[in-house]
Amino acid sequence: MPATIIIGAQYGDEGKGKITDIFSEKADYVVRYQGGNNAGHTIVVDGKVYKLHLLPSGVVRGKRCLIGAGVVVDPRQLIKEIKQFNFEVDLGIDPRTHIILPYHNIIDILREKKIKKIKGASIGTTAKGIGPCYEDEKSRIGIRFFDLVSNKNLEDVIIEKFEEKKKVIEEVYGGSLDININDVAKEYAEIGKLLKKYLCDVSSEIFSSLKKGKNILFEGAQGTLLDIKYGNYPKVTSSHPLAGSILVDIGLPPSVFKEFEFKIIGVVKAYTTKVGSGPVVTCLDKGRWPVDEKVSNKIANYIRKKGAEYGTTTGRPRRVGWLDLVLLKYSDKLNNYDELALTKLDVLSGIKILKIAVAYKHNGKEEKEYRAWDLEFLENCKPVYKKIKGFRKFRANNYNEIPKNAKKYIGLIEEYIGKKIKIISIGPERNDIIYKE
């Protein structure tokens, strides 16, 4: 398989890191194509936990890892992640990748506070400066990885940028820039020297590798419903987690989908979770954000604690809901999955009755179309559930050993979406995997 794209089919946090880790075993390259350190992948190997926010998951296996132009990189975080490993990581970073600076974080935090004050509820960003960095890219005033590692006047450029942002922080948001600008400029100049060896044209390297028949694995951050265009705008991320975005974010012509064999795998969590505000039709926490676990639904708390549903990046409790097939059908339309990987099926064990949303009710009318753009519509939808008897806690070495009711749960998803589930995750460890076919 020359190329595989791993996509989060819901709101992110589906377990893409584990699925990517599995596929990376046979990959020559593992490529991150969008997002920043506002999301994380957790990989567990022999009890050791690796938390990755920028480095592609293949780094755990010592693979050639690339960060494409569609990513925004906080170099401070990247240095920390590299230091996790006791070996030299095989890493390449595209020169067009944009760089996050401390003022991006400050603007992110202050903007959230302002939105909450005006509207009563913020977007729920991770305050990692992702949105403000993408804004600078679009405004053509950003600092790229190429500038970080090769600009002799980098310190002067950063100081100049800080002076501009200081006015925005103070006059627009009423905040203060309590940072020594000169110290930051020097720090980034030193980081640039450390990271210079990783500079490479990711677009060219990937295109030539495809022509050589190399196996390439593409991974993103977040999930489909957080896409800046096709997610629940404005309760979204600032980039495109969709499969099609690899063309622009990596720099590939559309013809690659015809010329080379691509497989698109949608990663689906066995239930629904979301960090931040925005409509979740099947939410058991009744849409509250931040989540108050003291008054939350018992089943939501059970799933959250058993599934460790707390943000890898922020530690915030995720909202929990039943699986939503209306949402998944929309996700499949945007990505056209070749197959699905179902994660955290084991978390649902022990619940007597399971529910899956197969439609919505809106003003007494049944709806089966997901209107991602209409938040008011989604807020007023009630899920129409199909109920299934639950299943016991289990261990399994193959699909035949999975409980009968768990198989029914899997079958219902396949029938509704029209795609096969070929991988089933039943635990946090790398080897807690069942291959259905």
Protein backbone atom coordinates (compact mmCIF):
# COMPACT_ATOMS: atom_id res chain seq x y z
CA MET A 1 0.00 0.00 0.00
CA PRO A 2 1.92 3.08 -1.22
CA ALA A 3 -0.13 5.60 0.77
CA THR A 4 -2.53 5.47 3.73
CA ILE A 5 -4.36 8.45 5.24
CA ILE A 6 -5.56 8.17 8.85
CA ILE A 7 -8.55 10.44 9.54
CA GLY A 8 -10.41 11.21 12.75
CA ALA A 9 -14.05 10.61 11.84
CA GLN A 10 -15.63 12.56 14.72
CA TYR A 11 -14.44 15.47 16.90
CA GLY A 12 -10.88 14.26 17.40
CA ASP A 13 -9.53 12.11 20.24
CA GLU A 14 -10.68 8.97 18.43
CA GLY A 15 -7.44 7.10 19.05
CA LYS A 16 -5.73 8.02 15.76
CA GLY A 17 -2.31 7.79 17.41
CA LYS A 18 -2.69 4.11 18.16
CA ILE A 19 -4.01 3.28 14.68
CA THR A 20 -1.23 5.33 13.10
CA ASP A 21 1.31 3.50 15.26
CA ILE A 22 0.00 0.14 14.01
CA PHE A 23 0.21 1.14 10.35
CA SER A 24 3.58 2.80 10.80
CA GLU A 25 5.18 -0.62 11.36
CA LYS A 26 5.23 -1.20 7.60
CA ALA A 27 5.54 2.45 6.55
CA ASP A 28 8.70 4.03 5.15
CA TYR A 29 7.45 7.53 5.99
CA VAL A 30 4.99 8.91 8.55
CA VAL A 31 3.84 12.42 7.67
CA ARG A 32 1.96 14.99 9.74
CA TYR A 33 0.02 17.28 7.41
CA GLN A 34 -2.06 19.77 9.49
CA GLY A 35 -2.78 21.23 12.93
CA GLY A 36 -0.34 22.00 15.71
CA ASN A 37 0.28 21.07 19.31
CA ASN A 38 -3.37 21.73 20.15
CA ALA A 39 -4.01 18.00 19.92
CA GLY A 40 -2.13 14.97 21.13
CA HIS A 41 -1.55 11.34 20.27
CA THR A 42 -0.96 8.93 23.12
CA ILE A 43 0.90 5.71 22.36
CA VAL A 44 1.46 2.98 24.96
CA VAL A 45 4.26 0.46 24.32
CA ASP A 46 5.09 -2.12 26.99
CA GLY A 47 3.61 0.13 29.64
CA LYS A 48 5.61 3.20 28.55
CA VAL A 49 3.43 6.15 27.58
CA TYR A 50 4.49 8.53 24.81
CA LYS A 51 2.50 11.76 24.48
CA LEU A 52 3.08 13.37 21.10
CA HIS A 53 1.70 16.72 19.97
CA LEU A 54 3.83 17.56 16.95
CA LEU A 55 6.07 14.60 16.15
CA PRO A 56 4.40 12.06 13.86
CA SER A 57 3.50 8.83 15.66
CA GLY A 58 6.00 6.84 13.61
CA VAL A 59 8.83 8.34 15.65
CA VAL A 60 8.19 5.66 18.30
CA ARG A 61 9.22 3.02 15.75
CA GLY A 62 12.21 5.02 14.50
CA LYS A 63 10.61 5.78 11.12
CA ARG A 64 11.40 8.68 8.81
CA CYS A 65 8.97 11.35 10.04
CA LEU A 66 8.01 14.50 8.17
CA ILE A 67 6.11 17.64 9.19
CA GLY A 68 4.37 19.26 6.25
CA ALA A 69 3.68 22.89 5.37
CA GLY A 70 0.09 22.67 6.64
CA VAL A 71 1.28 22.28 10.24
CA VAL A 72 2.03 25.16 12.62
CA VAL A 73 4.97 24.35 14.91
CA ASP A 74 5.76 25.58 18.39
CA PRO A 75 9.53 24.93 18.38
CA ARG A 76 9.68 24.93 22.19
CA GLN A 77 7.22 22.03 22.31
CA LEU A 78 9.00 20.24 19.48
CA ILE A 79 12.33 20.32 21.35
CA LYS A 80 10.62 18.82 24.43
CA GLU A 81 9.15 15.98 22.39
CA ILE A 82 12.43 15.17 20.69
CA LYS A 83 14.10 14.92 24.10
CA GLN A 84 11.68 12.10 25.10
CA PHE A 85 13.67 9.70 22.94
CA ASN A 86 17.08 8.27 23.68
CA PHE A 87 17.90 8.04 19.98
CA GLU A 88 18.28 10.53 17.12
CA VAL A 89 14.86 11.05 15.56
CA ASP A 90 14.74 10.84 11.76
CA LEU A 91 12.81 14.06 11.19
CA GLY A 92 12.22 16.48 8.32
CA ILE A 93 10.34 19.79 8.52
CA ASP A 94 9.08 21.70 5.50
CA PRO A 95 10.53 25.23 5.13
CA ARG A 96 6.99 26.61 4.58
CA THR A 97 5.75 25.42 7.98
CA HIS A 98 4.74 28.40 10.13
CA ILE A 99 6.11 29.00 13.62
CA ILE A 100 4.21 29.79 16.83
CA LEU A 101 5.64 32.52 19.05
CA PRO A 102 4.64 33.41 22.65
CA TYR A 103 2.47 36.33 21.54
CA HIS A 104 0.26 33.87 19.64
CA ASN A 105 -0.49 32.08 22.92
CA ILE A 106 -1.27 35.35 24.70
CA ILE A 107 -3.65 36.54 21.97
CA ASP A 108 -5.34 33.11 21.99
CA ILE A 109 -6.02 33.32 25.74
CA LEU A 110 -7.17 36.96 25.72
CA ARG A 111 -9.46 36.42 22.74
CA GLU A 112 -11.16 33.47 24.45
CA LYS A 113 -11.78 35.62 27.53
CA LYS A 114 -13.21 38.41 25.41
CA ILE A 115 -15.53 36.06 23.49
CA LYS A 116 -16.76 34.50 26.73
CA LYS A 117 -17.41 37.92 28.24
CA ILE A 118 -19.42 39.06 25.21
CA LYS A 119 -21.21 35.84 24.24
CA GLY A 120 -21.21 33.93 27.54
CA ALA A 121 -19.33 30.96 26.07
CA SER A 122 -15.92 30.71 24.45
CA ILE A 123 -14.85 28.48 21.55
CA GLY A 124 -12.83 26.30 23.91
CA THR A 125 -9.41 26.52 22.27
CA THR A 126 -6.36 24.94 23.89
CA ALA A 127 -4.65 28.37 24.17
CA LYS A 128 -1.67 27.00 22.21
CA GLY A 129 -1.67 29.90 19.76
CA ILE A 130 -2.77 27.80 16.80
CA GLY A 131 -5.47 30.11 15.42
CA PRO A 132 -3.42 33.34 15.75
CA CYS A 133 -0.48 31.64 14.01
CA TYR A 134 -2.64 30.51 11.08
CA GLU A 135 -4.03 34.07 10.93
CA ASP A 136 -0.52 35.47 10.52
CA GLU A 137 0.13 32.96 7.75
CA LYS A 138 -2.99 34.07 5.87
CA SER A 139 -2.11 37.74 6.48
CA ARG A 140 1.37 37.08 5.07
CA ILE A 141 3.11 38.33 8.22
CA GLY A 142 4.12 35.01 9.78
CA ILE A 143 7.51 33.51 10.51
CA ARG A 144 8.21 30.23 8.72
CA PHE A 145 10.49 27.36 9.67
CA PHE A 146 12.83 28.51 6.91
CA ASP A 147 13.06 31.93 8.60
CA LEU A 148 13.66 30.32 11.99
CA VAL A 149 16.64 28.25 10.87
CA SER A 150 18.25 30.44 8.23
CA ASN A 151 17.43 34.12 8.81
CA LYS A 152 20.53 35.94 10.05
CA ASN A 153 18.32 38.81 11.22
CA LEU A 154 15.88 36.53 13.06
CA GLU A 155 16.23 38.28 16.42
CA ASP A 156 15.49 41.67 14.88
CA VAL A 157 12.50 40.25 12.98
CA ILE A 158 11.03 38.67 16.13
CA ILE A 159 11.48 41.88 18.15
CA GLU A 160 9.73 43.84 15.38
CA LYS A 161 6.84 41.36 15.35
CA PHE A 162 6.54 41.57 19.13
CA GLU A 163 6.23 45.36 18.98
CA GLU A 164 3.33 45.03 16.53
CA LYS A 165 1.56 42.39 18.60
CA LYS A 166 2.09 44.35 21.81
CA LYS A 167 -0.26 47.03 20.49
CA VAL A 168 -2.89 44.43 19.62
CA ILE A 169 -2.61 42.76 23.03
CA GLU A 170 -2.85 46.02 24.95
CA GLU A 171 -5.22 48.12 22.84
CA VAL A 172 -7.59 45.49 21.42
CA TYR A 173 -7.71 42.95 24.23
CA GLY A 174 -6.70 45.07 27.22
CA GLY A 175 -3.94 42.64 28.18
CA SER A 176 -0.26 43.00 28.83
CA LEU A 177 2.84 41.48 27.27
CA ASP A 178 4.77 40.45 30.37
CA ILE A 179 7.60 38.88 28.40
CA ASN A 180 11.18 39.93 27.88
CA ILE A 181 11.17 40.28 24.11
CA ASN A 182 14.95 40.19 23.80
CA ASP A 183 15.15 36.92 25.77
CA VAL A 184 12.50 35.31 23.53
CA ALA A 185 14.32 36.46 20.39
CA LYS A 186 17.57 34.94 21.62
CA GLU A 187 15.82 31.71 22.68
CA TYR A 188 14.26 31.25 19.24
CA ALA A 189 17.55 32.01 17.52
CA GLU A 190 19.20 29.23 19.54
CA ILE A 191 16.31 26.84 18.87
CA GLY A 192 16.65 27.63 15.17
CA LYS A 193 20.27 26.47 15.27
CA LEU A 194 19.25 23.21 16.96
CA LEU A 195 16.46 22.48 14.47
CA LYS A 196 18.27 23.53 11.28
CA LYS A 197 19.38 19.97 10.53
CA TYR A 198 15.71 18.98 10.09
CA LEU A 199 15.02 21.40 7.20
CA CYS A 200 13.80 19.56 4.09
CA ASP A 201 11.41 20.02 1.19
CA VAL A 202 8.67 17.67 2.37
CA SER A 203 6.63 18.15 -0.81
CA SER A 204 9.48 16.99 -3.07
CA GLU A 205 10.56 14.17 -0.77
CA ILE A 206 7.04 12.72 -0.58
CA PHE A 207 6.35 13.04 -4.32
CA SER A 208 9.61 11.33 -5.27
CA SER A 209 9.02 8.64 -2.63
CA LEU A 210 5.58 7.88 -4.07
CA LYS A 211 7.17 7.41 -7.49
CA LYS A 212 9.68 5.00 -5.94
CA GLY A 213 6.83 2.92 -4.49
CA LYS A 214 7.57 3.75 -0.87
CA ASN A 215 4.89 3.20 1.79
CA ILE A 216 3.73 6.55 3.14
CA LEU A 217 1.42 7.12 6.08
CA PHE A 218 -0.32 10.48 6.50
CA GLU A 219 -1.67 11.54 9.88
CA GLY A 220 -3.49 14.67 10.99
CA ALA A 221 -4.69 16.17 14.23
CA GLN A 222 -8.29 16.72 15.39
CA GLY A 223 -11.28 15.18 13.64
CA THR A 224 -13.50 15.84 10.64
CA LEU A 225 -16.17 17.79 12.55
CA LEU A 226 -13.52 20.30 13.66
CA ASP A 227 -12.61 21.23 10.08
CA ILE A 228 -12.50 25.01 9.66
CA LYS A 229 -14.81 24.83 6.61
CA TYR A 230 -16.93 21.72 7.05
CA GLY A 231 -17.08 21.35 10.81
CA ASN A 232 -19.36 23.04 13.34
CA TYR A 233 -18.09 26.55 12.60
CA PRO A 234 -17.08 28.55 14.61
CA LYS A 235 -16.60 25.74 17.17
CA VAL A 236 -13.79 24.30 15.10
CA THR A 237 -10.03 24.19 14.72
CA SER A 238 -8.09 26.48 12.36
CA SER A 239 -7.06 23.94 9.72
CA HIS A 240 -8.38 21.09 7.59
CA PRO A 241 -8.27 17.55 9.08
CA LEU A 242 -9.94 16.16 5.93
CA ALA A 243 -8.25 13.60 3.68
CA GLY A 244 -8.31 15.89 0.67
CA SER A 245 -6.30 18.58 2.44
CA ILE A 246 -3.06 16.60 2.10
CA LEU A 247 -2.82 17.89 -1.49
CA VAL A 248 -2.35 21.49 -0.36
CA ASP A 249 -0.89 20.87 3.10
CA ILE A 250 1.86 18.60 1.78
CA GLY A 251 2.09 20.03 -1.74
CA LEU A 252 0.94 17.24 -4.05
CA PRO A 253 -0.98 17.35 -7.36
CA PRO A 254 -4.53 15.88 -7.46
CA SER A 255 -3.29 13.28 -9.93
CA VAL A 256 -1.57 11.37 -7.10
CA PHE A 257 -4.94 9.86 -6.17
CA LYS A 258 -5.14 8.32 -9.65
CA GLU A 259 -1.49 7.58 -10.22
CA PHE A 260 -0.82 5.89 -6.85
CA GLU A 261 -2.83 3.61 -4.61
CA PHE A 262 -4.28 5.47 -1.61
CA LYS A 263 -6.26 4.04 1.28
CA ILE A 264 -8.31 6.32 3.55
CA ILE A 265 -9.05 4.94 7.02
CA GLY A 266 -11.64 6.61 9.23
CA VAL A 267 -10.98 6.18 12.95
CA VAL A 268 -14.24 5.96 14.89
CA LYS A 269 -14.50 5.92 18.67
CA ALA A 270 -17.23 3.54 19.87
CA TYR A 271 -18.99 6.52 21.45
CA THR A 272 -18.80 10.29 20.99
CA THR A 273 -16.56 12.76 22.83
CA LYS A 274 -15.78 16.42 22.33
CA VAL A 275 -13.54 18.96 24.03
CA GLY A 276 -14.84 22.52 24.02
CA SER A 277 -18.25 24.00 23.33
CA GLY A 278 -20.54 23.41 20.37
CA PRO A 279 -23.47 21.09 19.64
CA VAL A 280 -23.18 17.36 20.31
CA VAL A 281 -26.60 15.90 19.60
CA THR A 282 -26.05 12.69 21.59
CA CYS A 283 -24.28 14.38 24.51
CA LEU A 284 -25.04 12.80 27.88
CA ASP A 285 -23.57 15.78 29.72
CA LYS A 286 -26.43 17.92 28.40
CA GLY A 287 -24.06 20.21 26.53
CA ARG A 288 -22.46 21.70 29.61
CA TRP A 289 -19.01 23.16 29.14
CA PRO A 290 -16.77 22.97 31.00
CA VAL A 291 -17.95 19.57 32.17
CA ASP A 292 -19.03 19.39 35.82
CA GLU A 293 -18.49 15.73 36.66
CA LYS A 294 -20.25 16.11 40.02
CA VAL A 295 -23.61 16.61 38.31
CA SER A 296 -22.99 14.74 35.05
CA ASN A 297 -24.97 11.78 33.83
CA LYS A 298 -23.82 8.54 35.49
CA ILE A 299 -23.19 6.77 32.19
CA ALA A 300 -21.19 9.74 30.91
CA ASN A 301 -19.01 9.67 34.01
CA TYR A 302 -18.60 5.89 33.73
CA ILE A 303 -17.43 6.14 30.11
CA ARG A 304 -15.25 9.19 30.79
CA LYS A 305 -13.39 7.57 33.68
CA LYS A 306 -13.09 4.14 32.12
CA GLY A 307 -11.99 5.58 28.77
CA ALA A 308 -9.68 8.21 30.35
CA GLU A 309 -11.51 10.88 28.41
CA TYR A 310 -9.41 13.83 29.41
CA GLY A 311 -7.52 15.97 26.89
CA THR A 312 -3.96 14.85 26.10
CA THR A 313 -2.98 18.48 25.66
CA THR A 314 -5.07 20.24 28.34
CA GLY A 315 -6.24 17.55 30.77
CA ARG A 316 -9.78 18.91 30.43
CA PRO A 317 -12.64 16.39 30.79
CA ARG A 318 -14.28 15.66 27.47
CA ARG A 319 -18.03 15.72 26.99
CA VAL A 320 -19.39 12.24 26.38
CA GLY A 321 -22.30 10.98 24.29
CA TRP A 322 -23.60 7.90 22.54
CA LEU A 323 -22.32 7.06 19.06
CA ASP A 324 -23.88 9.27 16.36
CA LEU A 325 -24.27 7.57 12.98
CA VAL A 326 -25.87 10.63 11.35
CA LEU A 327 -22.65 12.52 12.06
CA LEU A 328 -20.52 9.61 10.85
CA LYS A 329 -22.41 9.41 7.57
CA TYR A 330 -21.61 13.10 6.97
CA SER A 331 -17.97 12.43 7.88
CA ASP A 332 -17.82 9.59 5.37
CA LYS A 333 -19.27 11.83 2.66
CA LEU A 334 -16.42 14.31 3.16
CA ASN A 335 -13.64 11.72 3.26
CA ASN A 336 -15.02 8.64 1.47
CA TYR A 337 -13.39 6.10 3.77
CA ASP A 338 -12.13 2.86 2.32
CA GLU A 339 -12.52 1.23 5.72
CA LEU A 340 -13.07 2.05 9.37
CA ALA A 341 -11.13 1.40 12.55
CA LEU A 342 -13.27 1.20 15.70
CA THR A 343 -11.56 2.21 18.94
CA LYS A 344 -12.36 1.89 22.66
CA LEU A 345 -15.03 -0.76 22.18
CA ASP A 346 -13.92 -2.21 25.52
CA VAL A 347 -14.93 0.98 27.33
CA LEU A 348 -18.61 0.24 26.66
CA SER A 349 -18.49 -3.14 28.40
CA GLY A 350 -20.54 -3.35 31.54
CA ILE A 351 -23.30 -0.99 30.35
CA LYS A 352 -26.64 -2.84 30.29
CA ILE A 353 -28.25 -1.02 27.37
CA LEU A 354 -26.26 0.70 24.61
CA LYS A 355 -27.70 3.35 22.31
CA ILE A 356 -26.73 4.49 18.83
CA ALA A 357 -28.27 7.53 17.13
CA VAL A 358 -29.65 6.60 13.71
CA ALA A 359 -31.62 9.82 13.08
CA TYR A 360 -32.59 13.15 14.66
CA LYS A 361 -35.95 14.64 15.56
CA HIS A 362 -36.33 18.35 14.84
CA ASN A 363 -39.67 20.09 15.39
CA GLY A 364 -41.36 16.68 15.26
CA LYS A 365 -39.79 15.77 11.91
CA GLU A 366 -37.23 13.00 11.49
CA GLU A 367 -33.94 14.15 9.98
CA LYS A 368 -31.06 12.04 8.66
CA GLU A 369 -28.93 14.79 7.12
CA TYR A 370 -26.21 16.32 9.30
CA ARG A 371 -26.19 20.12 8.96
CA ALA A 372 -22.73 20.92 10.26
CA TRP A 373 -23.10 24.61 9.39
CA ASP A 374 -26.36 25.15 11.34
CA LEU A 375 -25.53 25.08 15.05
CA GLU A 376 -29.00 26.22 16.10
CA PHE A 377 -30.54 23.33 14.18
CA LEU A 378 -28.19 20.84 15.86
CA GLU A 379 -28.77 22.32 19.32
CA ASN A 380 -32.51 21.72 18.88
CA CYS A 381 -32.23 18.19 17.51
CA LYS A 382 -33.10 15.19 19.65
CA PRO A 383 -31.41 11.88 18.86
CA VAL A 384 -33.45 8.94 17.62
CA TYR A 385 -31.80 5.90 19.16
CA LYS A 386 -31.56 2.26 18.31
CA LYS A 387 -31.02 0.27 21.50
CA ILE A 388 -28.77 -2.77 21.79
CA LYS A 389 -28.16 -5.04 24.75
CA GLY A 390 -24.78 -4.44 26.31
CA PHE A 391 -21.92 -6.89 26.62
CA ARG A 392 -19.66 -8.13 29.37
CA LYS A 393 -16.04 -7.19 29.94
CA PHE A 394 -13.92 -9.36 27.68
CA ARG A 395 -10.48 -10.22 26.40
CA ALA A 396 -10.13 -11.52 22.86
CA ASN A 397 -7.39 -12.71 20.53
CA ASN A 398 -9.56 -12.75 17.43
CA TYR A 399 -12.93 -11.57 16.19
CA ASN A 400 -14.69 -14.83 17.00
CA GLU A 401 -13.98 -14.30 20.71
CA ILE A 402 -15.76 -10.93 20.84
CA PRO A 403 -19.17 -11.08 22.61
CA LYS A 404 -22.22 -11.51 20.40
CA ASN A 405 -23.77 -8.16 21.35
CA ALA A 406 -20.49 -6.36 20.63
CA LYS A 407 -20.59 -7.89 17.15
CA LYS A 408 -24.15 -6.60 16.72
CA TYR A 409 -22.93 -3.14 17.68
CA ILE A 410 -20.19 -3.35 15.04
CA GLY A 411 -22.61 -4.69 12.44
CA LEU A 412 -25.05 -1.83 12.94
CA ILE A 413 -22.31 0.73 12.28
CA GLU A 414 -21.18 -1.07 9.12
CA GLU A 415 -24.73 -1.37 7.79
CA TYR A 416 -25.58 2.29 8.35
CA ILE A 417 -22.34 3.80 7.01
CA GLY A 418 -21.86 1.25 4.25
CA LYS A 419 -18.20 0.68 5.08
CA LYS A 420 -16.40 -2.24 6.72
CA ILE A 421 -14.81 -2.06 10.15
CA LYS A 422 -11.56 -3.99 9.75
CA ILE A 423 -9.69 -2.97 12.90
CA ILE A 424 -11.08 -3.02 16.44
CA SER A 425 -9.18 -1.63 19.41
CA ILE A 426 -10.04 -3.23 22.76
CA GLY A 427 -7.48 -1.62 25.08
CA PRO A 428 -4.77 1.04 25.34
CA GLU A 429 -1.75 -1.15 24.56
CA ARG A 430 -0.31 -1.49 21.06
CA ASN A 431 -1.26 -5.17 20.96
CA ASP A 432 -4.88 -4.66 22.10
CA ILE A 433 -6.09 -4.96 18.53
CA ILE A 434 -8.48 -7.30 16.73
CA TYR A 435 -8.42 -7.63 12.94
CA LYS A 436 -11.90 -8.40 11.70
CA GLU A 437 -10.75 -9.59 8.29
